[in-house]
Amino acid sequence: FVKKGRFSDMLAHVPVYVVLNPKPALLGAAYYGLNL
């Protein structure tokens, strides 16, 4: 991920997360709907 040439210094500081939930979009939509 960080081996991108001129962007390597910038990308080295970008956090990377692994999403293990199979339905993250559904959870996001439900959260949004509850907070309207």
N, C-alpha and C. Protein backbone atom coordinates (compact mmCIF):
# COMPACT_ATOMS: atom_id res chain seq x y z
N PHE A 1 0.82 -1.21 0.00
CA PHE A 1 0.00 0.00 0.00
C PHE A 1 0.86 1.25 0.00
N VAL A 2 1.92 1.28 0.78
CA VAL A 2 2.72 2.50 0.89
C VAL A 2 3.78 2.61 -0.20
N LYS A 3 3.97 1.61 -1.01
CA LYS A 3 4.99 1.65 -2.06
C LYS A 3 4.41 2.30 -3.33
N LYS A 4 4.05 3.56 -3.24
CA LYS A 4 3.42 4.27 -4.35
C LYS A 4 4.27 5.43 -4.85
N GLY A 5 5.57 5.27 -4.88
CA GLY A 5 6.45 6.29 -5.43
C GLY A 5 6.42 7.59 -4.66
N ARG A 6 6.05 8.66 -5.35
CA ARG A 6 6.08 9.99 -4.72
C ARG A 6 5.06 10.16 -3.61
N PHE A 7 4.08 9.28 -3.52
CA PHE A 7 3.07 9.37 -2.47
C PHE A 7 3.41 8.51 -1.26
N SER A 8 4.54 7.82 -1.27
CA SER A 8 4.85 6.87 -0.20
C SER A 8 4.97 7.55 1.17
N ASP A 9 5.54 8.75 1.23
CA ASP A 9 5.64 9.44 2.52
C ASP A 9 4.27 9.79 3.08
N MET A 10 3.37 10.24 2.22
CA MET A 10 2.03 10.60 2.65
C MET A 10 1.24 9.34 3.06
N LEU A 11 1.32 8.29 2.26
CA LEU A 11 0.55 7.09 2.54
C LEU A 11 1.05 6.33 3.76
N ALA A 12 2.29 6.54 4.15
CA ALA A 12 2.82 5.87 5.33
C ALA A 12 2.10 6.32 6.60
N HIS A 13 1.45 7.48 6.57
CA HIS A 13 0.76 8.02 7.74
C HIS A 13 -0.76 7.82 7.67
N VAL A 14 -1.25 7.18 6.63
CA VAL A 14 -2.69 6.95 6.48
C VAL A 14 -3.05 5.62 7.16
N PRO A 15 -3.97 5.65 8.14
CA PRO A 15 -4.34 4.39 8.80
C PRO A 15 -5.15 3.49 7.86
N VAL A 16 -4.96 2.21 7.98
CA VAL A 16 -5.68 1.23 7.17
C VAL A 16 -6.43 0.32 8.13
N TYR A 17 -7.72 0.16 7.92
CA TYR A 17 -8.56 -0.66 8.78
C TYR A 17 -9.13 -1.82 7.97
N VAL A 18 -9.33 -2.95 8.62
CA VAL A 18 -9.95 -4.11 8.00
C VAL A 18 -11.36 -4.22 8.54
N VAL A 19 -12.33 -4.23 7.64
CA VAL A 19 -13.74 -4.34 8.03
C VAL A 19 -14.12 -5.81 7.94
N LEU A 20 -14.47 -6.40 9.07
CA LEU A 20 -14.80 -7.82 9.11
C LEU A 20 -16.30 -8.09 9.03
N ASN A 21 -17.11 -7.05 9.23
CA ASN A 21 -18.56 -7.22 9.17
C ASN A 21 -18.98 -7.38 7.71
N PRO A 22 -19.80 -8.40 7.39
CA PRO A 22 -20.21 -8.61 6.00
C PRO A 22 -21.23 -7.59 5.48
N LYS A 23 -21.83 -6.79 6.38
CA LYS A 23 -22.87 -5.83 5.95
C LYS A 23 -22.61 -4.43 6.50
N PRO A 24 -21.46 -3.84 6.23
CA PRO A 24 -21.19 -2.52 6.79
C PRO A 24 -22.09 -1.43 6.21
N ALA A 25 -22.49 -1.56 4.95
CA ALA A 25 -23.36 -0.54 4.35
C ALA A 25 -24.73 -0.53 5.02
N LEU A 26 -25.24 -1.70 5.35
CA LEU A 26 -26.54 -1.78 6.02
C LEU A 26 -26.47 -1.16 7.41
N LEU A 27 -25.39 -1.39 8.13
CA LEU A 27 -25.22 -0.76 9.44
C LEU A 27 -25.12 0.75 9.32
N GLY A 28 -24.42 1.22 8.32
CA GLY A 28 -24.30 2.66 8.11
C GLY A 28 -25.64 3.29 7.77
N ALA A 29 -26.42 2.62 6.94
CA ALA A 29 -27.74 3.14 6.58
C ALA A 29 -28.67 3.16 7.79
N ALA A 30 -28.60 2.13 8.62
CA ALA A 30 -29.43 2.09 9.82
C ALA A 30 -29.03 3.19 10.79
N TYR A 31 -27.75 3.39 10.97
CA TYR A 31 -27.27 4.46 11.85
C TYR A 31 -27.73 5.82 11.35
N TYR A 32 -27.61 6.04 10.05
CA TYR A 32 -28.04 7.30 9.46
C TYR A 32 -29.55 7.49 9.66
N GLY A 33 -30.33 6.44 9.42
CA GLY A 33 -31.78 6.52 9.57
C GLY A 33 -32.21 6.82 10.99
N LEU A 34 -31.49 6.29 11.96
CA LEU A 34 -31.84 6.53 13.36
C LEU A 34 -31.47 7.94 13.82
N ASN A 35 -30.58 8.59 13.09
CA ASN A 35 -30.10 9.91 13.50
C ASN A 35 -30.61 11.03 12.59
N LEU A 36 -31.73 10.83 11.93
CA LEU A 36 -32.29 11.88 11.07
C LEU A 36 -32.95 12.95 11.90
